[in-house]
Amino acid sequence: MAEAEIGIFGGSGFYELLSDAEEVRVETPYGPPSDVVTVGELAGRRVAFLPRHGRRHQYPPHMINYRANIAAMAQLGVQRILGPCAAGSLTPAVRPGDFVICDQFVDRTHGRRDTFYDGPVTTHVSFAEPYCPTLRRVVIEQARALELPLHERGTVVVIQGPRFSSAAESRWYRAQGWEVINMTQYPELALARERELCYVNISLITDYDVGVEGDPTAQPVTAEEVVRIFRANLDRLRELLLRVIPAIPRERDCPCATALRAARV
């Protein structure tokens, strides 16, 4: 089987970045991942791309087999995962077209298979700092170099989907001081930590969720608008990834690499 060291959960528009690419069908103990994995070379590094929703976007957020997706990356030898995604803003200061490199999350999903460890070995992974500090630093440095509209930290609240928020829900999330809203970060990042994989989120802001109070031009989010804004900014996201990948250190000295060392009971 082909091997890779860096994984990216992305969709259409990313595959052409790779040279000598091949499609790999991976079977995992948790079922099939969302699609075949495309493995190739980028900037001298072996990289694996997997569309988290499937190539035809056939899996809504609550139906994604997150365990299989993470397991497939691990089986290919991946140790670092970049998780770009479309996301909404909960505050006027974070605008559509901005990039947020999240440092915290809040889980508001339900019913998702969110652990590899159902027993008999009880495993409690520390998750106070859920995103890899090394990857966050690399992404922030490269985003600064590109002079992207950047927020270096932010809390993402992950909702179940596939529906968008009500106005009351969005007001509640905003009142908690959370900046970003998304449907796929959890359990993706938690499962990566359980496999001792480094993970970083790159949130591309596409909308203002239910709008901004007092601003009639900021309309409630629609799926059509999310796709339009994401596609309009896809080139900037790809340029960022092209800079990030060669800048990732080859050696790992972050807590992610030893997450299971003190987690077992």
C-alpha atoms as a PDB file:
ATOM      1  CA  MET A   1       0.000   0.000   0.000  1.00  0.00           C
ATOM      2  CA  ALA A   2       1.153   3.537  -0.745  1.00  0.00           C
ATOM      3  CA  GLU A   3       2.415   5.513   2.231  1.00  0.00           C
ATOM      4  CA  ALA A   4       2.157   9.156   3.270  1.00  0.00           C
ATOM      5  CA  GLU A   5       3.313  11.278   6.205  1.00  0.00           C
ATOM      6  CA  ILE A   6       0.867  14.193   5.961  1.00  0.00           C
ATOM      7  CA  GLY A   7      -2.889  13.891   5.518  1.00  0.00           C
ATOM      8  CA  ILE A   8      -5.397  16.487   4.343  1.00  0.00           C
ATOM      9  CA  PHE A   9      -9.150  16.226   4.641  1.00  0.00           C
ATOM     10  CA  GLY A  10     -10.130  18.163   1.546  1.00  0.00           C
ATOM     11  CA  GLY A  11     -12.375  17.971  -1.459  1.00  0.00           C
ATOM     12  CA  SER A  12     -12.311  18.799  -5.126  1.00  0.00           C
ATOM     13  CA  GLY A  13      -9.677  21.296  -6.144  1.00  0.00           C
ATOM     14  CA  PHE A  14      -6.903  19.713  -4.062  1.00  0.00           C
ATOM     15  CA  TYR A  15      -5.999  16.600  -6.052  1.00  0.00           C
ATOM     16  CA  GLU A  16      -4.200  18.456  -8.820  1.00  0.00           C
ATOM     17  CA  LEU A  17      -1.670  19.719  -6.285  1.00  0.00           C
ATOM     18  CA  LEU A  18      -0.076  16.263  -6.119  1.00  0.00           C
ATOM     19  CA  SER A  19       2.499  14.792  -8.476  1.00  0.00           C
ATOM     20  CA  ASP A  20       2.767  11.049  -9.183  1.00  0.00           C
ATOM     21  CA  ALA A  21      -0.630  10.618  -7.561  1.00  0.00           C
ATOM     22  CA  GLU A  22      -2.391   7.297  -7.167  1.00  0.00           C
ATOM     23  CA  GLU A  23      -5.752   6.361  -5.751  1.00  0.00           C
ATOM     24  CA  VAL A  24      -5.705   3.946  -2.835  1.00  0.00           C
ATOM     25  CA  ARG A  25      -8.708   2.044  -1.523  1.00  0.00           C
ATOM     26  CA  VAL A  26      -8.283   1.498   2.222  1.00  0.00           C
ATOM     27  CA  GLU A  27     -10.254  -0.954   4.338  1.00  0.00           C
ATOM     28  CA  THR A  28     -10.405  -0.307   8.071  1.00  0.00           C
ATOM     29  CA  PRO A  29     -11.828  -2.204  11.079  1.00  0.00           C
ATOM     30  CA  TYR A  30     -14.471   0.569  11.258  1.00  0.00           C
ATOM     31  CA  GLY A  31     -15.726   0.219   7.704  1.00  0.00           C
ATOM     32  CA  PRO A  32     -14.792   2.143   4.561  1.00  0.00           C
ATOM     33  CA  PRO A  33     -13.670   5.790   4.707  1.00  0.00           C
ATOM     34  CA  SER A  34     -15.607   8.485   2.875  1.00  0.00           C
ATOM     35  CA  ASP A  35     -13.835   7.764  -0.432  1.00  0.00           C
ATOM     36  CA  VAL A  36     -10.644   6.469  -1.974  1.00  0.00           C
ATOM     37  CA  VAL A  37      -7.509   8.232  -0.743  1.00  0.00           C
ATOM     38  CA  THR A  38      -5.324  10.054  -3.263  1.00  0.00           C
ATOM     39  CA  VAL A  39      -1.631   9.713  -2.363  1.00  0.00           C
ATOM     40  CA  GLY A  40       1.210  11.572  -4.043  1.00  0.00           C
ATOM     41  CA  GLU A  41       4.067  14.003  -3.572  1.00  0.00           C
ATOM     42  CA  LEU A  42       3.883  17.689  -2.783  1.00  0.00           C
ATOM     43  CA  ALA A  43       6.926  19.858  -2.067  1.00  0.00           C
ATOM     44  CA  GLY A  44       9.041  16.788  -1.400  1.00  0.00           C
ATOM     45  CA  ARG A  45       6.594  15.305   1.132  1.00  0.00           C
ATOM     46  CA  ARG A  46       4.286  12.327   0.774  1.00  0.00           C
ATOM     47  CA  VAL A  47       0.714  13.562   1.168  1.00  0.00           C
ATOM     48  CA  ALA A  48      -2.678  11.818   1.334  1.00  0.00           C
ATOM     49  CA  PHE A  49      -5.943  13.585   0.413  1.00  0.00           C
ATOM     50  CA  LEU A  50      -9.327  12.278   1.560  1.00  0.00           C
ATOM     51  CA  PRO A  51     -12.600  14.164   0.961  1.00  0.00           C
ATOM     52  CA  ARG A  52     -14.380  13.939   4.315  1.00  0.00           C
ATOM     53  CA  HIS A  53     -17.823  14.235   2.669  1.00  0.00           C
ATOM     54  CA  GLY A  54     -16.956  11.996  -0.299  1.00  0.00           C
ATOM     55  CA  ARG A  55     -16.164  13.272  -3.794  1.00  0.00           C
ATOM     56  CA  ARG A  56     -19.840  13.797  -4.587  1.00  0.00           C
ATOM     57  CA  HIS A  57     -20.458  15.332  -1.149  1.00  0.00           C
ATOM     58  CA  GLN A  58     -22.734  12.384  -0.489  1.00  0.00           C
ATOM     59  CA  TYR A  59     -22.133  12.174   3.270  1.00  0.00           C
ATOM     60  CA  PRO A  60     -23.706  14.924   5.397  1.00  0.00           C
ATOM     61  CA  PRO A  61     -21.767  15.832   8.558  1.00  0.00           C
ATOM     62  CA  HIS A  62     -23.674  13.523  10.908  1.00  0.00           C
ATOM     63  CA  MET A  63     -23.225  10.514   8.598  1.00  0.00           C
ATOM     64  CA  ILE A  64     -19.465  10.742   8.005  1.00  0.00           C
ATOM     65  CA  ASN A  65     -17.545   7.676   9.197  1.00  0.00           C
ATOM     66  CA  TYR A  66     -14.983   9.720  11.114  1.00  0.00           C
ATOM     67  CA  ARG A  67     -13.379   6.666  12.720  1.00  0.00           C
ATOM     68  CA  ALA A  68     -12.767   5.056   9.330  1.00  0.00           C
ATOM     69  CA  ASN A  69     -11.365   8.302   7.909  1.00  0.00           C
ATOM     70  CA  ILE A  70      -8.829   8.709  10.722  1.00  0.00           C
ATOM     71  CA  ALA A  71      -7.996   4.996  10.732  1.00  0.00           C
ATOM     72  CA  ALA A  72      -7.369   5.081   6.969  1.00  0.00           C
ATOM     73  CA  MET A  73      -4.918   7.948   7.375  1.00  0.00           C
ATOM     74  CA  ALA A  74      -3.114   6.127  10.189  1.00  0.00           C
ATOM     75  CA  GLN A  75      -2.906   2.921   8.144  1.00  0.00           C
ATOM     76  CA  LEU A  76      -1.184   4.880   5.372  1.00  0.00           C
ATOM     77  CA  GLY A  77       1.459   6.065   7.840  1.00  0.00           C
ATOM     78  CA  VAL A  78       0.139   9.614   8.241  1.00  0.00           C
ATOM     79  CA  GLN A  79       1.323  11.407  11.385  1.00  0.00           C
ATOM     80  CA  ARG A  80       0.110  14.973  10.724  1.00  0.00           C
ATOM     81  CA  ILE A  81      -3.371  15.959   9.560  1.00  0.00           C
ATOM     82  CA  LEU A  82      -4.450  19.312   8.151  1.00  0.00           C
ATOM     83  CA  GLY A  83      -8.188  19.858   8.507  1.00  0.00           C
ATOM     84  CA  PRO A  84      -9.364  22.772   6.347  1.00  0.00           C
ATOM     85  CA  CYS A  85     -13.110  23.355   6.439  1.00  0.00           C
ATOM     86  CA  ALA A  86     -15.846  25.841   5.684  1.00  0.00           C
ATOM     87  CA  ALA A  87     -17.168  27.499   8.827  1.00  0.00           C
ATOM     88  CA  GLY A  88     -19.502  30.255   9.965  1.00  0.00           C
ATOM     89  CA  SER A  89     -18.753  33.319  12.038  1.00  0.00           C
ATOM     90  CA  LEU A  90     -20.510  34.135  15.316  1.00  0.00           C
ATOM     91  CA  THR A  91     -19.024  37.621  15.657  1.00  0.00           C
ATOM     92  CA  PRO A  92     -18.825  40.667  13.361  1.00  0.00           C
ATOM     93  CA  ALA A  93     -15.041  40.797  13.881  1.00  0.00           C
ATOM     94  CA  VAL A  94     -14.624  37.504  11.998  1.00  0.00           C
ATOM     95  CA  ARG A  95     -15.707  38.167   8.430  1.00  0.00           C
ATOM     96  CA  PRO A  96     -16.495  35.945   5.436  1.00  0.00           C
ATOM     97  CA  GLY A  97     -13.217  35.286   3.650  1.00  0.00           C
ATOM     98  CA  ASP A  98     -11.208  35.346   6.902  1.00  0.00           C
ATOM     99  CA  PHE A  99      -9.121  32.409   8.121  1.00  0.00           C
ATOM    100  CA  VAL A 100      -9.346  31.235  11.744  1.00  0.00           C
ATOM    101  CA  ILE A 101      -6.758  28.835  13.168  1.00  0.00           C
ATOM    102  CA  CYS A 102      -8.843  27.453  16.008  1.00  0.00           C
ATOM    103  CA  ASP A 103      -7.270  26.628  19.365  1.00  0.00           C
ATOM    104  CA  GLN A 104     -10.367  25.336  21.206  1.00  0.00           C
ATOM    105  CA  PHE A 105     -13.665  23.608  20.448  1.00  0.00           C
ATOM    106  CA  VAL A 106     -17.036  22.924  22.063  1.00  0.00           C
ATOM    107  CA  ASP A 107     -18.916  19.760  21.131  1.00  0.00           C
ATOM    108  CA  ARG A 108     -22.672  20.113  20.579  1.00  0.00           C
ATOM    109  CA  THR A 109     -23.087  16.954  18.482  1.00  0.00           C
ATOM    110  CA  HIS A 110     -24.844  13.759  19.540  1.00  0.00           C
ATOM    111  CA  GLY A 111     -24.852  10.112  18.524  1.00  0.00           C
ATOM    112  CA  ARG A 112     -21.551  10.164  16.646  1.00  0.00           C
ATOM    113  CA  ARG A 113     -19.044   7.343  17.167  1.00  0.00           C
ATOM    114  CA  ASP A 114     -16.365   9.477  18.767  1.00  0.00           C
ATOM    115  CA  THR A 115     -13.796   7.075  20.236  1.00  0.00           C
ATOM    116  CA  PHE A 116     -11.695   4.110  19.195  1.00  0.00           C
ATOM    117  CA  TYR A 117     -11.670   2.846  22.775  1.00  0.00           C
ATOM    118  CA  ASP A 118     -14.928   1.186  23.791  1.00  0.00           C
ATOM    119  CA  GLY A 119     -13.088  -1.263  26.066  1.00  0.00           C
ATOM    120  CA  PRO A 120     -11.869  -3.534  27.504  1.00  0.00           C
ATOM    121  CA  VAL A 121      -8.878  -1.198  27.990  1.00  0.00           C
ATOM    122  CA  THR A 122     -10.270   2.070  29.351  1.00  0.00           C
ATOM    123  CA  THR A 123      -8.538   5.051  27.746  1.00  0.00           C
ATOM    124  CA  HIS A 124      -8.851   8.711  28.801  1.00  0.00           C
ATOM    125  CA  VAL A 125      -6.895  10.976  26.449  1.00  0.00           C
ATOM    126  CA  SER A 126      -5.958  14.425  27.754  1.00  0.00           C
ATOM    127  CA  PHE A 127      -7.637  17.058  25.592  1.00  0.00           C
ATOM    128  CA  ALA A 128      -7.114  20.415  27.313  1.00  0.00           C
ATOM    129  CA  GLU A 129      -5.238  21.640  24.219  1.00  0.00           C
ATOM    130  CA  PRO A 130      -6.997  19.829  21.373  1.00  0.00           C
ATOM    131  CA  TYR A 131      -5.000  21.188  18.420  1.00  0.00           C
ATOM    132  CA  CYS A 132      -1.331  20.429  17.767  1.00  0.00           C
ATOM    133  CA  PRO A 133       0.766  23.403  18.929  1.00  0.00           C
ATOM    134  CA  THR A 134       3.476  22.707  16.350  1.00  0.00           C
ATOM    135  CA  LEU A 135       1.077  22.588  13.404  1.00  0.00           C
ATOM    136  CA  ARG A 136      -0.769  25.676  14.645  1.00  0.00           C
ATOM    137  CA  ARG A 137       2.505  27.619  14.760  1.00  0.00           C
ATOM    138  CA  VAL A 138       3.464  26.535  11.227  1.00  0.00           C
ATOM    139  CA  VAL A 139       0.061  27.419   9.762  1.00  0.00           C
ATOM    140  CA  ILE A 140      -0.028  30.813  11.496  1.00  0.00           C
ATOM    141  CA  GLU A 141       3.480  31.681  10.299  1.00  0.00           C
ATOM    142  CA  GLN A 142       2.687  30.784   6.687  1.00  0.00           C
ATOM    143  CA  ALA A 143      -0.682  32.564   6.749  1.00  0.00           C
ATOM    144  CA  ARG A 144       1.065  35.699   8.029  1.00  0.00           C
ATOM    145  CA  ALA A 145       3.640  35.434   5.239  1.00  0.00           C
ATOM    146  CA  LEU A 146       0.807  35.375   2.703  1.00  0.00           C
ATOM    147  CA  GLU A 147      -0.844  38.326   4.479  1.00  0.00           C
ATOM    148  CA  LEU A 148      -4.138  36.475   4.695  1.00  0.00           C
ATOM    149  CA  PRO A 149      -6.963  37.948   6.808  1.00  0.00           C
ATOM    150  CA  LEU A 150      -6.083  35.891   9.857  1.00  0.00           C
ATOM    151  CA  HIS A 151      -7.357  35.175  13.369  1.00  0.00           C
ATOM    152  CA  GLU A 152      -4.689  33.216  15.233  1.00  0.00           C
ATOM    153  CA  ARG A 153      -7.066  31.640  17.718  1.00  0.00           C
ATOM    154  CA  GLY A 154     -10.738  30.996  18.190  1.00  0.00           C
ATOM    155  CA  THR A 155     -13.219  28.560  19.685  1.00  0.00           C
ATOM    156  CA  VAL A 156     -15.313  26.538  17.254  1.00  0.00           C
ATOM    157  CA  VAL A 157     -18.664  25.181  18.407  1.00  0.00           C
ATOM    158  CA  VAL A 158     -19.459  21.988  16.518  1.00  0.00           C
ATOM    159  CA  ILE A 159     -23.165  21.424  15.873  1.00  0.00           C
ATOM    160  CA  GLN A 160     -24.858  18.245  14.751  1.00  0.00           C
ATOM    161  CA  GLY A 161     -26.257  19.383  11.409  1.00  0.00           C
ATOM    162  CA  PRO A 162     -27.249  18.959   8.727  1.00  0.00           C
ATOM    163  CA  ARG A 163     -29.554  21.905   9.483  1.00  0.00           C
ATOM    164  CA  PHE A 164     -28.143  25.316  10.301  1.00  0.00           C
ATOM    165  CA  SER A 165     -28.727  27.041  13.667  1.00  0.00           C
ATOM    166  CA  SER A 166     -31.860  28.798  14.817  1.00  0.00           C
ATOM    167  CA  ALA A 167     -31.472  32.474  15.725  1.00  0.00           C
ATOM    168  CA  ALA A 168     -31.842  31.607  19.419  1.00  0.00           C
ATOM    169  CA  GLU A 169     -29.140  28.941  19.245  1.00  0.00           C
ATOM    170  CA  SER A 170     -26.785  31.283  17.435  1.00  0.00           C
ATOM    171  CA  ARG A 171     -27.356  34.035  20.041  1.00  0.00           C
ATOM    172  CA  TRP A 172     -26.561  31.525  22.781  1.00  0.00           C
ATOM    173  CA  TYR A 173     -23.315  30.414  21.104  1.00  0.00           C
ATOM    174  CA  ARG A 174     -22.294  34.037  20.566  1.00  0.00           C
ATOM    175  CA  ALA A 175     -23.096  34.897  24.202  1.00  0.00           C
ATOM    176  CA  GLN A 176     -20.616  32.230  25.318  1.00  0.00           C
ATOM    177  CA  GLY A 177     -17.842  34.069  23.517  1.00  0.00           C
ATOM    178  CA  TRP A 178     -17.365  31.433  20.810  1.00  0.00           C
ATOM    179  CA  GLU A 179     -16.215  32.767  17.437  1.00  0.00           C
ATOM    180  CA  VAL A 180     -16.684  29.969  14.887  1.00  0.00           C
ATOM    181  CA  ILE A 181     -19.409  27.423  14.083  1.00  0.00           C
ATOM    182  CA  ASN A 182     -18.931  24.211  12.112  1.00  0.00           C
ATOM    183  CA  MET A 183     -20.413  20.704  11.701  1.00  0.00           C
ATOM    184  CA  THR A 184     -17.366  18.448  11.181  1.00  0.00           C
ATOM    185  CA  GLN A 185     -14.565  19.298  13.626  1.00  0.00           C
ATOM    186  CA  TYR A 186     -15.859  16.834  16.190  1.00  0.00           C
ATOM    187  CA  PRO A 187     -15.095  13.954  16.473  1.00  0.00           C
ATOM    188  CA  GLU A 188     -12.479  14.298  13.723  1.00  0.00           C
ATOM    189  CA  LEU A 189      -9.903  16.070  15.889  1.00  0.00           C
ATOM    190  CA  ALA A 190     -10.574  13.914  18.978  1.00  0.00           C
ATOM    191  CA  LEU A 191     -10.105  10.683  17.031  1.00  0.00           C
ATOM    192  CA  ALA A 192      -6.838  11.993  15.609  1.00  0.00           C
ATOM    193  CA  ARG A 193      -5.519  12.551  19.146  1.00  0.00           C
ATOM    194  CA  GLU A 194      -6.602   9.029  20.139  1.00  0.00           C
ATOM    195  CA  ARG A 195      -4.355   7.714  17.352  1.00  0.00           C
ATOM    196  CA  GLU A 196      -1.523  10.043  18.422  1.00  0.00           C
ATOM    197  CA  LEU A 197      -1.803  12.034  15.205  1.00  0.00           C
ATOM    198  CA  CYS A 198      -1.146  15.774  15.079  1.00  0.00           C
ATOM    199  CA  TYR A 199      -4.156  17.789  13.907  1.00  0.00           C
ATOM    200  CA  VAL A 200      -4.716  21.427  12.995  1.00  0.00           C
ATOM    201  CA  ASN A 201      -7.869  23.183  11.861  1.00  0.00           C
ATOM    202  CA  ILE A 202      -7.957  25.871   9.184  1.00  0.00           C
ATOM    203  CA  SER A 203     -11.418  27.432   9.219  1.00  0.00           C
ATOM    204  CA  LEU A 204     -12.313  29.404   6.105  1.00  0.00           C
ATOM    205  CA  ILE A 205     -15.203  31.671   7.097  1.00  0.00           C
ATOM    206  CA  THR A 206     -18.039  31.595   4.573  1.00  0.00           C
ATOM    207  CA  ASP A 207     -20.958  33.274   6.386  1.00  0.00           C
ATOM    208  CA  TYR A 208     -22.350  34.979   9.505  1.00  0.00           C
ATOM    209  CA  ASP A 209     -24.495  31.993  10.611  1.00  0.00           C
ATOM    210  CA  VAL A 210     -27.909  33.668  11.190  1.00  0.00           C
ATOM    211  CA  GLY A 211     -26.639  37.140  10.333  1.00  0.00           C
ATOM    212  CA  VAL A 212     -25.475  40.042  12.491  1.00  0.00           C
ATOM    213  CA  GLU A 213     -27.905  41.928  14.703  1.00  0.00           C
ATOM    214  CA  GLY A 214     -28.382  45.477  13.446  1.00  0.00           C
ATOM    215  CA  ASP A 215     -26.787  44.743  10.065  1.00  0.00           C
ATOM    216  CA  PRO A 216     -29.459  43.997   7.427  1.00  0.00           C
ATOM    217  CA  THR A 217     -26.789  43.206   4.818  1.00  0.00           C
ATOM    218  CA  ALA A 218     -25.558  40.172   6.805  1.00  0.00           C
ATOM    219  CA  GLN A 219     -28.141  37.579   5.823  1.00  0.00           C
ATOM    220  CA  PRO A 220     -28.689  34.123   7.385  1.00  0.00           C
ATOM    221  CA  VAL A 221     -26.500  31.397   5.955  1.00  0.00           C
ATOM    222  CA  THR A 222     -27.550  29.268   2.991  1.00  0.00           C
ATOM    223  CA  ALA A 223     -25.803  26.209   1.541  1.00  0.00           C
ATOM    224  CA  GLU A 224     -25.528  28.023  -1.791  1.00  0.00           C
ATOM    225  CA  GLU A 225     -23.696  30.956  -0.199  1.00  0.00           C
ATOM    226  CA  VAL A 226     -21.318  28.670   1.725  1.00  0.00           C
ATOM    227  CA  VAL A 227     -20.279  26.943  -1.510  1.00  0.00           C
ATOM    228  CA  ARG A 228     -19.904  30.263  -3.360  1.00  0.00           C
ATOM    229  CA  ILE A 229     -17.640  31.873  -0.755  1.00  0.00           C
ATOM    230  CA  PHE A 230     -15.597  28.716  -0.234  1.00  0.00           C
ATOM    231  CA  ARG A 231     -14.933  28.370  -3.976  1.00  0.00           C
ATOM    232  CA  ALA A 232     -14.065  32.054  -4.250  1.00  0.00           C
ATOM    233  CA  ASN A 233     -11.342  31.567  -1.639  1.00  0.00           C
ATOM    234  CA  LEU A 234     -10.147  28.119  -2.682  1.00  0.00           C
ATOM    235  CA  ASP A 235      -7.022  29.433  -4.419  1.00  0.00           C
ATOM    236  CA  ARG A 236      -5.900  31.211  -1.242  1.00  0.00           C
ATOM    237  CA  LEU A 237      -6.463  28.047   0.794  1.00  0.00           C
ATOM    238  CA  ARG A 238      -4.491  25.947  -1.669  1.00  0.00           C
ATOM    239  CA  GLU A 239      -1.663  28.492  -1.656  1.00  0.00           C
ATOM    240  CA  LEU A 240      -1.572  28.304   2.130  1.00  0.00           C
ATOM    241  CA  LEU A 241      -1.377  24.496   2.075  1.00  0.00           C
ATOM    242  CA  LEU A 242       1.433  24.646  -0.504  1.00  0.00           C
ATOM    243  CA  ARG A 243       3.464  26.749   1.931  1.00  0.00           C
ATOM    244  CA  VAL A 244       2.527  24.844   5.081  1.00  0.00           C
ATOM    245  CA  ILE A 245       3.424  21.331   3.925  1.00  0.00           C
ATOM    246  CA  PRO A 246       7.164  21.862   3.289  1.00  0.00           C
ATOM    247  CA  ALA A 247       7.436  23.931   6.495  1.00  0.00           C
ATOM    248  CA  ILE A 248       6.212  21.110   8.761  1.00  0.00           C
ATOM    249  CA  PRO A 249       9.122  19.718  10.825  1.00  0.00           C
ATOM    250  CA  ARG A 250       9.941  16.103  10.069  1.00  0.00           C
ATOM    251  CA  GLU A 251      10.467  15.230  13.729  1.00  0.00           C
ATOM    252  CA  ARG A 252       7.630  15.394  16.232  1.00  0.00           C
ATOM    253  CA  ASP A 253       8.203  16.733  19.749  1.00  0.00           C
ATOM    254  CA  CYS A 254       4.609  17.761  20.526  1.00  0.00           C
ATOM    255  CA  PRO A 255       2.255  16.176  23.114  1.00  0.00           C
ATOM    256  CA  CYS A 256       0.161  14.604  20.328  1.00  0.00           C
ATOM    257  CA  ALA A 257       2.868  12.018  19.607  1.00  0.00           C
ATOM    258  CA  THR A 258       2.655  10.561  23.133  1.00  0.00           C
ATOM    259  CA  ALA A 259      -1.054  11.113  23.893  1.00  0.00           C
ATOM    260  CA  LEU A 260      -1.624   7.513  24.999  1.00  0.00           C
ATOM    261  CA  ARG A 261       1.361   7.295  27.321  1.00  0.00           C
ATOM    262  CA  ALA A 262      -0.604   8.216  30.471  1.00  0.00           C
ATOM    263  CA  ALA A 263      -4.123   7.617  29.158  1.00  0.00           C
ATOM    264  CA  ARG A 264      -4.661   3.954  29.951  1.00  0.00           C
ATOM    265  CA  VAL A 265      -6.315   2.663  33.128  1.00  0.00           C
END
